[in-house]
N, C-alpha and C. Protein backbone atom coordinates (compact mmCIF):
# COMPACT_ATOMS: atom_id res chain seq x y z
N MET A 1 91.42 106.26 60.21
CA MET A 1 90.45 106.23 61.27
C MET A 1 90.67 105.21 62.32
N LEU A 2 91.44 104.17 61.88
CA LEU A 2 91.58 102.98 63.08
C LEU A 2 92.89 103.99 64.07
N GLU A 3 93.83 104.61 63.08
CA GLU A 3 94.69 105.20 64.22
C GLU A 3 94.33 106.00 65.10
N GLU A 4 93.49 106.82 64.76
CA GLU A 4 92.46 107.59 65.66
C GLU A 4 91.83 107.32 66.77
N LEU A 5 91.32 106.06 66.37
CA LEU A 5 90.72 104.90 67.62
C LEU A 5 91.51 104.86 68.47
N LYS A 6 92.87 103.94 67.82
CA LYS A 6 94.01 103.37 68.73
C LYS A 6 94.04 104.42 69.93
N LYS A 7 94.35 105.70 69.46
CA LYS A 7 94.58 106.79 70.23
C LYS A 7 93.53 107.20 71.40
N LYS A 8 92.42 106.82 70.76
CA LYS A 8 90.99 106.98 72.01
C LYS A 8 91.43 106.18 72.69
N VAL A 9 91.22 105.02 72.10
CA VAL A 9 91.31 103.74 73.31
C VAL A 9 92.57 103.63 74.32
N TYR A 10 93.75 104.22 73.58
CA TYR A 10 95.07 104.27 74.61
C TYR A 10 94.53 105.23 75.57
N GLU A 11 93.96 106.30 75.13
CA GLU A 11 93.67 107.52 76.29
C GLU A 11 92.75 106.94 77.30
N ALA A 12 91.96 106.04 76.90
CA ALA A 12 90.75 105.56 77.79
C ALA A 12 91.34 104.88 78.85
N ASN A 13 92.27 104.07 78.18
CA ASN A 13 93.09 103.29 79.20
C ASN A 13 94.05 103.91 80.07
N MET A 14 94.81 105.19 79.57
CA MET A 14 95.17 105.67 80.49
C MET A 14 94.57 106.65 81.69
N GLU A 15 93.35 106.93 81.25
CA GLU A 15 92.25 107.48 82.02
C GLU A 15 92.15 106.57 83.08
N LEU A 16 92.22 105.21 83.05
CA LEU A 16 91.96 104.62 84.18
C LEU A 16 92.68 104.46 85.32
N GLN A 17 94.09 104.42 84.78
CA GLN A 17 95.39 104.81 85.65
C GLN A 17 95.01 106.12 86.34
N ARG A 18 94.64 107.29 85.52
CA ARG A 18 94.70 108.50 86.18
C ARG A 18 93.78 108.36 87.11
N GLU A 19 92.71 107.90 87.07
CA GLU A 19 91.57 107.75 88.16
C GLU A 19 91.70 106.98 89.27
N ARG A 20 92.89 106.24 89.10
CA ARG A 20 93.63 104.80 90.22
C ARG A 20 92.55 103.98 90.25
N LEU A 21 91.93 103.42 89.10
CA LEU A 21 91.10 102.38 89.10
C LEU A 21 92.00 101.08 88.69
N VAL A 22 93.21 101.14 88.24
CA VAL A 22 94.10 100.10 87.74
C VAL A 22 95.53 100.48 88.51
N ILE A 23 96.26 99.29 88.71
CA ILE A 23 97.86 99.42 89.00
C ILE A 23 98.39 98.21 87.99
N LEU A 24 99.40 98.27 87.80
CA LEU A 24 100.13 96.93 87.28
C LEU A 24 99.62 96.87 85.95
N THR A 25 99.24 96.05 85.66
CA THR A 25 98.40 95.41 84.11
C THR A 25 96.96 95.27 84.52
N TRP A 26 96.38 95.39 85.32
CA TRP A 26 94.99 95.09 85.80
C TRP A 26 94.03 95.78 85.30
N GLY A 27 93.65 95.74 84.11
CA GLY A 27 92.37 96.25 83.67
C GLY A 27 92.69 96.22 82.13
N ASN A 28 91.56 96.72 81.35
CA ASN A 28 91.61 96.96 80.00
C ASN A 28 90.55 97.66 79.51
N VAL A 29 90.57 98.41 78.26
CA VAL A 29 89.55 98.88 77.83
C VAL A 29 89.19 98.82 76.18
N SER A 30 88.26 98.86 75.65
CA SER A 30 88.16 98.43 74.30
C SER A 30 86.95 99.27 73.90
N GLU A 31 86.96 99.40 72.42
CA GLU A 31 85.98 100.24 71.75
C GLU A 31 85.61 99.18 70.43
N ILE A 32 84.48 99.67 69.91
CA ILE A 32 84.00 98.98 68.80
C ILE A 32 83.80 99.81 67.73
N VAL A 33 83.95 99.41 66.66
CA VAL A 33 83.69 100.10 65.06
C VAL A 33 82.61 99.11 64.61
N ARG A 34 81.53 99.51 64.72
CA ARG A 34 80.32 98.74 64.30
C ARG A 34 79.93 98.44 62.98
N GLU A 35 80.52 99.62 62.45
CA GLU A 35 80.05 99.60 60.65
C GLU A 35 81.29 98.58 60.19
N LYS A 36 82.17 98.17 60.67
CA LYS A 36 83.34 97.68 60.28
C LYS A 36 83.48 96.10 61.08
N GLY A 37 82.61 96.13 61.90
CA GLY A 37 82.92 94.91 62.80
C GLY A 37 84.39 94.74 63.54
N LEU A 38 84.88 95.70 64.03
CA LEU A 38 86.33 95.76 64.57
C LEU A 38 85.86 96.41 65.93
N VAL A 39 87.07 95.64 66.77
CA VAL A 39 87.20 96.28 67.99
C VAL A 39 88.60 96.47 68.18
N ILE A 40 88.81 97.55 68.97
CA ILE A 40 90.27 98.02 69.29
C ILE A 40 90.28 97.91 70.92
N ILE A 41 91.54 97.14 71.28
CA ILE A 41 91.34 96.61 72.71
C ILE A 41 93.14 96.54 73.17
N LYS A 42 93.10 97.05 74.16
CA LYS A 42 94.61 96.99 75.13
C LYS A 42 95.32 95.74 74.88
N PRO A 43 96.56 95.63 74.51
CA PRO A 43 97.14 94.50 74.45
C PRO A 43 97.45 93.72 75.94
N SER A 44 97.73 92.24 75.85
CA SER A 44 97.62 91.58 77.28
C SER A 44 98.93 91.93 77.96
N GLY A 45 98.71 91.99 79.24
CA GLY A 45 100.09 92.06 80.24
C GLY A 45 101.01 93.21 79.85
N VAL A 46 100.55 94.31 79.28
CA VAL A 46 101.48 95.37 79.14
C VAL A 46 101.28 96.28 80.22
N PRO A 47 102.27 96.59 80.88
CA PRO A 47 102.18 97.68 81.97
C PRO A 47 101.53 98.62 81.63
N TYR A 48 100.94 99.63 82.48
CA TYR A 48 100.41 100.96 81.56
C TYR A 48 101.55 101.99 81.49
N GLN A 49 102.50 101.97 82.20
CA GLN A 49 103.52 102.77 82.26
C GLN A 49 104.47 102.79 81.02
N GLU A 50 104.29 101.54 80.13
CA GLU A 50 104.99 101.46 79.07
C GLU A 50 104.04 101.30 77.84
N LEU A 51 102.69 101.57 78.16
CA LEU A 51 101.69 101.37 77.16
C LEU A 51 101.92 102.58 76.02
N THR A 52 101.73 102.33 74.66
CA THR A 52 101.78 103.26 73.85
C THR A 52 100.46 103.16 72.95
N ALA A 53 99.98 104.16 72.15
CA ALA A 53 98.96 104.09 71.33
C ALA A 53 99.03 103.27 70.06
N SER A 54 100.07 102.85 69.45
CA SER A 54 100.50 101.87 68.46
C SER A 54 100.23 100.78 69.19
N GLN A 55 100.49 100.03 70.40
CA GLN A 55 100.50 98.94 70.79
C GLN A 55 98.72 98.79 71.07
N MET A 56 97.94 99.55 70.48
CA MET A 56 96.40 99.01 70.71
C MET A 56 96.35 97.88 69.39
N VAL A 57 95.44 96.92 69.98
CA VAL A 57 95.36 95.75 69.01
C VAL A 57 93.91 95.54 68.37
N VAL A 58 93.95 95.74 66.99
CA VAL A 58 92.61 95.66 66.40
C VAL A 58 92.10 94.19 66.38
N VAL A 59 90.81 93.64 66.63
CA VAL A 59 90.48 92.49 66.24
C VAL A 59 89.15 92.41 65.48
N ASP A 60 88.80 91.43 64.76
CA ASP A 60 87.28 91.13 64.75
C ASP A 60 86.63 90.75 65.53
N LEU A 61 85.12 90.21 65.23
CA LEU A 61 84.21 90.07 66.49
C LEU A 61 84.49 88.41 66.65
N GLU A 62 85.18 87.94 66.13
CA GLU A 62 85.54 86.27 66.26
C GLU A 62 86.95 86.29 66.86
N GLY A 63 87.32 87.56 67.09
CA GLY A 63 88.85 87.46 68.07
C GLY A 63 90.08 87.52 67.31
N LYS A 64 89.99 87.29 66.21
CA LYS A 64 90.94 87.33 65.07
C LYS A 64 91.89 88.72 64.91
N VAL A 65 93.06 88.53 65.32
CA VAL A 65 93.86 89.90 65.46
C VAL A 65 93.93 90.45 63.70
N VAL A 66 93.70 91.45 63.17
CA VAL A 66 93.62 91.86 61.84
C VAL A 66 94.60 93.17 61.83
N GLU A 67 94.96 93.75 63.22
CA GLU A 67 96.07 94.76 63.31
C GLU A 67 96.72 94.85 64.57
N GLY A 68 98.20 94.84 64.68
CA GLY A 68 99.07 94.89 65.81
C GLY A 68 99.94 93.65 65.81
N THR A 69 100.88 93.91 66.69
CA THR A 69 101.76 92.77 66.69
C THR A 69 101.69 92.11 67.98
N LEU A 70 100.95 92.78 68.75
CA LEU A 70 100.89 92.02 70.18
C LEU A 70 99.70 91.27 70.28
N ARG A 71 99.66 90.46 71.43
CA ARG A 71 98.20 89.82 71.79
C ARG A 71 97.45 90.49 72.38
N PRO A 72 96.27 90.49 71.77
CA PRO A 72 95.06 91.18 72.79
C PRO A 72 94.97 91.03 73.92
N SER A 73 94.06 91.68 74.66
CA SER A 73 93.97 91.31 76.14
C SER A 73 93.19 90.06 76.48
N VAL A 74 93.72 89.29 77.67
CA VAL A 74 93.21 88.00 77.80
C VAL A 74 91.54 88.01 77.80
N ASP A 75 91.18 89.16 78.04
CA ASP A 75 89.61 89.51 78.62
C ASP A 75 88.79 89.76 77.15
N THR A 76 89.67 89.85 75.95
CA THR A 76 88.94 89.95 74.50
C THR A 76 87.80 89.02 74.42
N ALA A 77 87.54 87.98 74.78
CA ALA A 77 86.43 86.94 74.41
C ALA A 77 84.93 87.64 75.40
N THR A 78 85.26 88.04 76.54
CA THR A 78 84.13 88.86 77.28
C THR A 78 83.86 89.92 76.79
N HIS A 79 84.75 90.94 76.24
CA HIS A 79 84.37 92.36 75.62
C HIS A 79 83.64 91.81 74.69
N LEU A 80 83.71 90.77 73.34
CA LEU A 80 83.44 90.78 72.33
C LEU A 80 81.91 90.28 72.40
N ILE A 81 81.46 89.42 73.57
CA ILE A 81 80.39 88.80 73.44
C ILE A 81 79.54 89.90 74.04
N LEU A 82 80.06 91.10 74.97
CA LEU A 82 79.14 92.11 75.20
C LEU A 82 78.57 93.03 73.96
N TYR A 83 79.59 93.14 72.94
CA TYR A 83 79.38 93.97 71.94
C TYR A 83 78.17 92.98 71.04
N LYS A 84 78.37 91.78 71.03
CA LYS A 84 77.29 90.86 70.21
C LYS A 84 76.23 91.05 70.72
N GLU A 85 75.98 91.11 72.11
CA GLU A 85 74.64 90.83 72.81
C GLU A 85 74.09 92.17 73.18
N PHE A 86 74.84 93.07 73.53
CA PHE A 86 74.57 94.60 74.19
C PHE A 86 74.59 95.44 72.77
N SER A 87 73.57 95.84 71.58
CA SER A 87 73.75 96.04 70.68
C SER A 87 74.00 97.52 70.56
N GLU A 88 73.83 98.25 71.66
CA GLU A 88 73.87 99.75 71.84
C GLU A 88 74.98 100.14 72.66
N ILE A 89 75.76 99.28 72.87
CA ILE A 89 77.15 99.64 73.83
C ILE A 89 78.28 100.12 72.54
N GLY A 90 79.18 100.92 72.96
CA GLY A 90 80.31 101.18 72.20
C GLY A 90 81.88 100.99 72.85
N GLY A 91 81.74 100.77 74.11
CA GLY A 91 83.13 100.74 74.70
C GLY A 91 82.55 99.81 76.06
N VAL A 92 83.72 99.06 76.55
CA VAL A 92 83.50 98.12 77.56
C VAL A 92 84.96 98.44 78.44
N VAL A 93 84.90 98.32 79.78
CA VAL A 93 86.01 98.72 80.68
C VAL A 93 85.95 97.20 81.68
N HIS A 94 87.13 96.57 81.95
CA HIS A 94 87.21 95.87 83.26
C HIS A 94 88.36 96.30 83.97
N THR A 95 88.06 96.54 85.17
CA THR A 95 89.26 96.51 86.29
C THR A 95 89.21 95.96 87.02
N HIS A 96 90.20 96.03 88.34
CA HIS A 96 90.10 95.27 89.86
C HIS A 96 90.31 96.38 90.33
N SER A 97 89.42 97.52 90.41
CA SER A 97 89.32 98.65 91.17
C SER A 97 88.84 98.06 92.58
N ALA A 98 89.49 98.57 93.94
CA ALA A 98 89.44 98.10 94.85
C ALA A 98 87.95 97.54 95.60
N TRP A 99 87.35 98.95 95.69
CA TRP A 99 85.94 98.56 96.09
C TRP A 99 84.76 97.96 95.48
N ALA A 100 84.80 98.02 94.01
CA ALA A 100 84.10 97.30 93.27
C ALA A 100 84.40 95.69 93.33
N THR A 101 85.55 95.65 93.45
CA THR A 101 85.99 94.15 93.52
C THR A 101 85.73 93.44 94.67
N ILE A 102 85.67 94.31 96.01
CA ILE A 102 85.49 93.81 97.56
C ILE A 102 83.88 93.03 97.17
N TRP A 103 83.01 93.83 96.65
CA TRP A 103 81.71 93.72 96.44
C TRP A 103 81.94 92.35 95.87
N ALA A 104 82.35 92.01 94.71
CA ALA A 104 82.54 90.89 93.72
C ALA A 104 82.86 89.83 94.33
N GLN A 105 84.10 89.95 95.31
CA GLN A 105 84.75 88.93 96.13
C GLN A 105 83.68 88.45 97.26
N ALA A 106 83.22 89.40 97.95
CA ALA A 106 82.09 89.05 98.81
C ALA A 106 80.85 88.23 98.13
N GLN A 107 80.75 88.28 96.47
CA GLN A 107 79.72 87.61 96.16
C GLN A 107 78.21 88.54 96.32
N LYS A 108 78.36 89.68 96.28
CA LYS A 108 77.38 90.24 96.75
C LYS A 108 76.99 91.71 95.91
N PRO A 109 75.64 91.98 95.22
CA PRO A 109 75.46 92.98 94.19
C PRO A 109 75.56 94.42 95.30
N ILE A 110 75.60 95.59 94.66
CA ILE A 110 75.92 96.61 95.48
C ILE A 110 74.39 97.48 95.43
N PRO A 111 73.76 97.56 96.51
CA PRO A 111 72.40 97.88 96.52
C PRO A 111 72.44 99.50 96.34
N CYS A 112 71.16 99.87 96.03
CA CYS A 112 70.95 101.29 95.96
C CYS A 112 70.69 101.87 96.99
N VAL A 113 71.41 102.33 97.63
CA VAL A 113 70.88 103.07 99.11
C VAL A 113 70.94 104.42 99.12
N GLY A 114 71.18 105.34 97.90
CA GLY A 114 71.45 106.47 97.99
C GLY A 114 71.56 107.17 96.75
N GLY A 115 71.30 108.39 96.81
CA GLY A 115 70.83 109.17 95.56
C GLY A 115 71.87 109.30 94.48
N THR A 116 73.21 109.16 95.02
CA THR A 116 74.43 109.25 94.31
C THR A 116 74.32 107.95 93.33
N HIS A 117 74.34 106.87 93.86
CA HIS A 117 73.86 105.48 93.14
C HIS A 117 72.62 105.77 92.22
N ALA A 118 71.57 106.31 92.59
CA ALA A 118 70.35 106.20 91.66
C ALA A 118 70.50 107.14 90.87
N ASP A 119 71.26 108.20 90.88
CA ASP A 119 71.38 109.09 89.44
C ASP A 119 72.26 108.53 88.62
N HIS A 120 72.98 107.32 88.80
CA HIS A 120 73.67 106.79 87.56
C HIS A 120 73.24 105.28 87.18
N PHE A 121 72.80 104.68 88.08
CA PHE A 121 72.44 103.35 87.92
C PHE A 121 70.99 102.87 88.75
N PHE A 122 70.00 102.22 87.37
CA PHE A 122 68.71 102.06 88.21
C PHE A 122 68.41 101.21 88.80
N GLY A 123 68.98 101.00 90.06
CA GLY A 123 68.64 99.86 90.96
C GLY A 123 70.11 99.33 91.38
N LYS A 124 69.83 97.76 91.81
CA LYS A 124 71.47 97.56 92.40
C LYS A 124 72.27 97.36 91.28
N VAL A 125 73.46 97.15 91.56
CA VAL A 125 74.63 96.56 90.46
C VAL A 125 74.81 94.98 90.80
N PRO A 126 74.32 94.50 89.88
CA PRO A 126 74.48 92.88 90.21
C PRO A 126 75.46 92.50 90.29
N CYS A 127 75.70 91.32 90.87
CA CYS A 127 76.70 90.48 90.95
C CYS A 127 76.43 89.10 90.17
N THR A 128 76.79 88.71 89.31
CA THR A 128 77.04 87.20 88.56
C THR A 128 76.97 85.87 89.14
N ARG A 129 76.36 84.72 89.11
CA ARG A 129 76.61 83.74 89.75
C ARG A 129 78.05 83.25 89.65
N LEU A 130 78.55 82.35 90.24
CA LEU A 130 79.55 81.69 90.12
C LEU A 130 79.66 80.64 89.05
N LEU A 131 80.74 80.87 88.37
CA LEU A 131 81.09 79.84 87.05
C LEU A 131 81.22 78.45 87.40
N THR A 132 80.49 77.63 86.76
CA THR A 132 80.38 76.03 87.20
C THR A 132 81.91 75.42 86.82
N GLU A 133 82.25 74.29 87.48
CA GLU A 133 83.63 73.81 87.27
C GLU A 133 83.53 73.47 85.30
N LYS A 134 82.84 73.09 84.87
CA LYS A 134 82.69 72.98 83.51
C LYS A 134 83.07 74.21 82.66
N GLU A 135 82.56 75.37 83.03
CA GLU A 135 82.60 76.79 82.42
C GLU A 135 83.84 76.92 82.58
N ILE A 136 84.52 76.99 83.75
CA ILE A 136 85.99 77.38 84.02
C ILE A 136 86.97 76.68 83.43
N GLU A 137 86.58 75.09 83.16
CA GLU A 137 87.58 74.81 82.53
C GLU A 137 87.80 74.67 81.02
N GLY A 138 86.43 75.22 80.40
CA GLY A 138 86.19 75.58 79.11
C GLY A 138 86.98 76.74 78.81
N ASP A 139 86.14 77.91 77.65
CA ASP A 139 86.52 78.75 77.52
C ASP A 139 86.37 79.87 78.33
N PHE A 140 87.42 80.20 79.35
CA PHE A 140 86.95 80.98 80.32
C PHE A 140 86.34 82.42 80.12
N GLU A 141 87.13 83.03 79.47
CA GLU A 141 86.58 84.46 79.15
C GLU A 141 85.40 84.52 78.47
N LEU A 142 85.17 83.32 77.69
CA LEU A 142 83.69 83.22 76.89
C LEU A 142 82.78 83.15 78.13
N GLU A 143 82.84 82.27 78.90
CA GLU A 143 81.74 81.87 79.81
C GLU A 143 81.57 82.98 80.88
N THR A 144 82.48 83.70 80.93
CA THR A 144 82.72 84.90 81.97
C THR A 144 81.69 86.06 81.02
N GLY A 145 81.57 86.18 79.66
CA GLY A 145 80.75 86.78 78.96
C GLY A 145 79.40 86.56 79.15
N LYS A 146 79.24 85.23 78.68
CA LYS A 146 77.90 84.50 78.78
C LYS A 146 77.28 84.62 80.04
N VAL A 147 78.07 84.58 81.33
CA VAL A 147 77.41 84.65 82.67
C VAL A 147 76.72 86.29 82.79
N ILE A 148 77.58 87.12 82.14
CA ILE A 148 77.03 88.63 82.47
C ILE A 148 75.84 89.00 81.54
N VAL A 149 75.74 88.12 80.38
CA VAL A 149 74.35 88.28 79.46
C VAL A 149 73.29 87.59 80.26
N GLU A 150 73.67 86.46 80.70
CA GLU A 150 72.71 85.49 81.63
C GLU A 150 71.98 86.70 82.89
N THR A 151 73.04 87.50 83.44
CA THR A 151 72.53 88.42 84.73
C THR A 151 71.35 89.32 83.90
N PHE A 152 71.89 89.72 82.76
CA PHE A 152 70.72 91.00 82.30
C PHE A 152 69.75 90.21 81.52
N ARG A 153 69.21 89.20 81.73
CA ARG A 153 67.91 88.68 80.90
C ARG A 153 66.80 89.72 81.34
N GLU A 154 67.03 89.99 82.68
CA GLU A 154 65.56 90.48 83.30
C GLU A 154 66.10 91.77 83.60
N ARG A 155 67.31 92.57 82.93
CA ARG A 155 67.64 93.87 83.23
C ARG A 155 68.00 94.38 82.15
N ASP A 156 67.95 95.76 82.02
CA ASP A 156 68.35 96.71 81.09
C ASP A 156 69.27 97.04 81.19
N TYR A 157 70.32 96.73 80.23
CA TYR A 157 72.10 96.88 80.54
C TYR A 157 72.12 98.27 80.17
N ARG A 158 71.11 99.16 79.43
CA ARG A 158 71.32 100.44 79.27
C ARG A 158 71.10 101.21 80.96
N HIS A 159 70.45 100.58 81.38
CA HIS A 159 70.07 101.57 82.78
C HIS A 159 70.90 101.24 84.13
N VAL A 160 71.74 99.91 83.91
CA VAL A 160 72.79 99.54 84.56
C VAL A 160 73.79 99.14 83.81
N PRO A 161 74.70 100.23 83.41
CA PRO A 161 75.96 99.66 82.61
C PRO A 161 76.98 99.29 83.52
N ALA A 162 76.83 98.53 84.41
CA ALA A 162 77.96 97.97 85.10
C ALA A 162 77.40 96.14 85.64
N VAL A 163 78.69 95.58 85.99
CA VAL A 163 78.10 94.14 86.77
C VAL A 163 79.44 93.85 87.29
N LEU A 164 79.23 93.27 88.48
CA LEU A 164 80.29 92.46 89.05
C LEU A 164 80.32 91.04 88.80
N ILE A 165 81.59 90.50 88.61
CA ILE A 165 82.00 89.12 88.52
C ILE A 165 82.24 88.54 89.51
N ASP A 166 81.22 87.74 89.93
CA ASP A 166 81.41 86.82 91.20
C ASP A 166 82.96 86.37 91.55
N SER A 167 83.51 86.82 92.41
CA SER A 167 84.88 86.42 92.92
C SER A 167 85.80 87.02 92.12
N HIS A 168 85.52 87.93 90.90
CA HIS A 168 86.45 88.62 90.38
C HIS A 168 86.57 90.13 90.39
N GLY A 169 85.86 90.63 89.63
CA GLY A 169 85.81 91.99 89.73
C GLY A 169 84.74 92.81 88.64
N PRO A 170 84.61 93.97 88.61
CA PRO A 170 84.02 94.96 87.77
C PRO A 170 84.01 94.98 86.32
N PHE A 171 83.00 94.78 85.45
CA PHE A 171 82.98 95.30 83.97
C PHE A 171 81.88 96.61 83.83
N THR A 172 82.41 97.48 83.31
CA THR A 172 81.11 98.41 82.89
C THR A 172 81.24 98.58 81.18
N TRP A 173 80.21 99.31 80.62
CA TRP A 173 80.08 99.79 79.39
C TRP A 173 79.58 101.14 79.39
N GLY A 174 79.53 101.61 78.03
CA GLY A 174 79.04 103.05 77.77
C GLY A 174 79.03 103.24 76.12
N LYS A 175 78.64 104.21 75.91
CA LYS A 175 78.40 104.70 74.51
C LYS A 175 79.75 104.70 73.47
N ASP A 176 80.76 104.80 74.17
CA ASP A 176 82.00 104.60 73.86
C ASP A 176 82.87 104.34 74.94
N SER A 177 84.40 104.39 74.83
CA SER A 177 85.49 103.80 75.75
C SER A 177 85.64 104.89 76.83
N HIS A 178 85.34 106.13 76.53
CA HIS A 178 85.50 106.90 77.68
C HIS A 178 84.30 107.14 78.51
N ASP A 179 82.93 106.83 77.93
CA ASP A 179 81.88 106.84 78.58
C ASP A 179 81.98 105.42 79.54
N ALA A 180 82.53 104.38 78.85
CA ALA A 180 82.55 103.12 79.61
C ALA A 180 83.36 103.51 81.09
N VAL A 181 84.60 104.42 80.83
CA VAL A 181 85.64 104.47 81.95
C VAL A 181 84.72 105.42 83.17
N HIS A 182 84.05 106.54 82.52
CA HIS A 182 83.36 107.24 83.27
C HIS A 182 82.22 106.20 84.16
N ASN A 183 81.81 105.28 83.60
CA ASN A 183 80.95 104.25 84.62
C ASN A 183 81.68 103.49 85.28
N SER A 184 82.91 103.22 85.43
CA SER A 184 83.62 102.70 86.17
C SER A 184 84.04 103.33 87.24
N VAL A 185 84.37 104.85 86.94
CA VAL A 185 84.77 105.83 88.20
C VAL A 185 83.58 105.89 89.10
N VAL A 186 82.27 106.23 88.48
CA VAL A 186 81.24 106.04 89.29
C VAL A 186 80.86 104.77 90.00
N LEU A 187 81.19 103.60 89.25
CA LEU A 187 80.74 102.36 90.02
C LEU A 187 81.90 102.31 91.27
N GLU A 188 82.87 102.71 91.05
CA GLU A 188 83.96 102.65 92.17
C GLU A 188 83.84 103.31 93.52
N GLU A 189 83.11 104.66 93.19
CA GLU A 189 82.29 105.71 94.24
C GLU A 189 81.31 104.77 94.76
N VAL A 190 80.46 104.66 94.42
CA VAL A 190 79.16 104.11 94.83
C VAL A 190 79.34 102.88 95.57
N ALA A 191 80.47 101.76 95.09
CA ALA A 191 80.84 100.79 95.81
C ALA A 191 81.03 100.98 97.41
N LYS A 192 82.01 102.31 97.30
CA LYS A 192 82.70 102.76 98.67
C LYS A 192 81.56 103.32 99.39
N MET A 193 80.48 104.14 99.01
CA MET A 193 79.79 104.45 99.63
C MET A 193 78.78 103.72 100.27
N ALA A 194 78.53 102.84 99.67
CA ALA A 194 77.58 101.68 99.94
C ALA A 194 78.06 100.95 101.17
N PHE A 195 79.41 100.40 101.04
CA PHE A 195 80.21 99.62 101.90
C PHE A 195 80.12 100.57 103.46
N TYR A 196 80.36 101.80 103.46
CA TYR A 196 80.42 102.45 104.88
C TYR A 196 78.81 102.97 104.94
N THR A 197 78.24 103.11 104.09
CA THR A 197 76.88 103.12 104.57
C THR A 197 76.12 101.91 105.48
N LEU A 198 76.24 100.98 104.88
CA LEU A 198 75.76 99.74 105.55
C LEU A 198 76.54 99.17 106.66
N GLU A 199 78.18 99.63 106.78
CA GLU A 199 78.55 99.77 108.13
C GLU A 199 77.75 100.39 109.44
N ILE A 200 77.67 101.74 109.15
CA ILE A 200 76.85 102.93 109.80
C ILE A 200 75.51 102.20 110.23
N ASN A 201 74.78 101.87 109.34
CA ASN A 201 73.46 101.45 109.47
C ASN A 201 73.10 100.14 108.72
N PRO A 202 73.43 98.57 109.20
CA PRO A 202 73.52 97.75 108.59
C PRO A 202 71.95 96.97 108.25
N SER A 203 70.93 97.66 108.96
CA SER A 203 69.69 97.45 108.57
C SER A 203 68.82 97.98 107.43
N LEU A 204 69.72 98.86 106.86
CA LEU A 204 69.16 99.88 106.00
C LEU A 204 68.68 98.80 104.57
N THR A 205 67.75 99.26 103.92
CA THR A 205 66.95 98.67 102.91
C THR A 205 67.36 99.66 101.56
N ALA A 206 67.01 99.13 100.45
CA ALA A 206 67.31 100.18 99.30
C ALA A 206 66.38 101.16 99.13
N MET A 207 66.54 101.96 98.29
CA MET A 207 66.07 102.90 98.34
C MET A 207 64.28 102.67 97.65
N PRO A 208 63.44 103.79 98.26
CA PRO A 208 62.09 103.25 97.60
C PRO A 208 61.87 103.36 96.03
N GLU A 209 61.16 103.09 95.64
CA GLU A 209 61.00 102.95 94.10
C GLU A 209 60.97 104.11 93.50
N GLU A 210 60.06 104.85 94.23
CA GLU A 210 59.39 106.06 93.62
C GLU A 210 60.58 107.18 93.40
N MET A 211 61.47 107.10 94.67
CA MET A 211 62.59 108.01 94.80
C MET A 211 63.57 107.56 93.94
N LEU A 212 64.10 106.07 93.59
CA LEU A 212 64.87 105.77 92.42
C LEU A 212 64.24 106.19 90.93
N LYS A 213 63.29 105.96 90.60
CA LYS A 213 62.92 106.53 89.56
C LYS A 213 62.93 107.82 89.29
N LYS A 214 62.47 108.74 90.09
CA LYS A 214 62.33 110.04 90.13
C LYS A 214 63.83 110.76 90.00
N ARG A 215 64.95 109.93 90.67
CA ARG A 215 66.47 110.48 90.71
C ARG A 215 66.97 109.81 89.23
N PHE A 216 66.80 108.56 88.98
CA PHE A 216 67.38 107.95 87.62
C PHE A 216 66.60 108.65 86.48
N PHE A 217 65.61 108.93 86.21
CA PHE A 217 65.06 109.68 84.94
C PHE A 217 65.13 110.91 84.69
N ARG A 218 65.51 111.65 85.98
CA ARG A 218 65.46 113.34 85.75
C ARG A 218 66.60 113.52 84.74
N LYS A 219 67.81 112.25 84.88
CA LYS A 219 69.15 112.48 84.32
C LYS A 219 69.33 111.60 83.02
N HIS A 220 68.37 110.99 82.67
CA HIS A 220 68.43 109.71 81.61
C HIS A 220 66.95 109.65 81.04
N GLY A 221 66.75 109.33 79.45
CA GLY A 221 65.72 108.85 78.78
C GLY A 221 65.03 110.26 78.31
N PRO A 222 63.98 110.15 77.39
CA PRO A 222 63.39 111.24 76.95
C PRO A 222 63.12 112.34 77.95
N GLY A 223 62.80 111.93 79.01
CA GLY A 223 62.05 113.14 79.87
C GLY A 223 63.10 113.71 80.79
N ALA A 224 64.37 113.25 80.77
CA ALA A 224 65.43 113.89 81.42
C ALA A 224 65.48 115.52 81.44
N TYR A 225 65.82 116.36 82.55
CA TYR A 225 65.67 117.87 82.62
C TYR A 225 66.93 118.21 83.48
N TYR A 226 67.99 117.18 83.84
CA TYR A 226 69.25 117.72 84.61
C TYR A 226 69.93 118.07 83.31
N GLY A 227 70.86 119.02 83.66
CA GLY A 227 72.06 119.83 83.01
C GLY A 227 71.50 120.75 81.82
N GLN A 228 72.30 121.12 80.89
CA GLN A 228 71.88 121.99 80.01
C GLN A 228 71.14 121.13 78.53
N GLN A 229 70.46 121.67 77.98
CA GLN A 229 69.70 121.21 76.96
C GLN A 229 71.00 121.21 75.63
């Protein structure tokens, strides 16, 4: 079972490269096996062109390596806290994709100004607050996960499966690793669209609530009617 999941997580990592969301070693994908309390994740600092399925690292929910010879991603602690706090997710992705990272570095959420965004994210994609000096000097990756959870205290992580880390970059999640990659692809596109839209019309405000609800819920939830049954 773990060998198949290693292959799946490897393929999800390589999908990031094919979609041009990562270069060099700038990204990682993981997937959780909840019934076993195990997470498969990319190893730290391995270039994508050198990556193999056998190099995927298996850790428990405390971050202890249970299978693999390489160190897991430096962002493992962030992935783990998301799995612990967001009980319905099965995969997590972190990238430094250009357009989403531009918004993160600007310390701005991505506003929902059009239907493409509303079809996938129910409202703005939030940006976290900046970590405090104490948080930065402590367990940095763990604190990064905690600030994501804090950002979603008043939001539904299932309806907005993405976040921007202030001054850093994006994280996305989904039902499994490939779904989380899909959300990273969508996030990058809507980040680019929002940037140019606001360049053309800086006074534009967010999409009206009634239009947001119509577009989002026709594709998500029990009343969805988009696509084939």
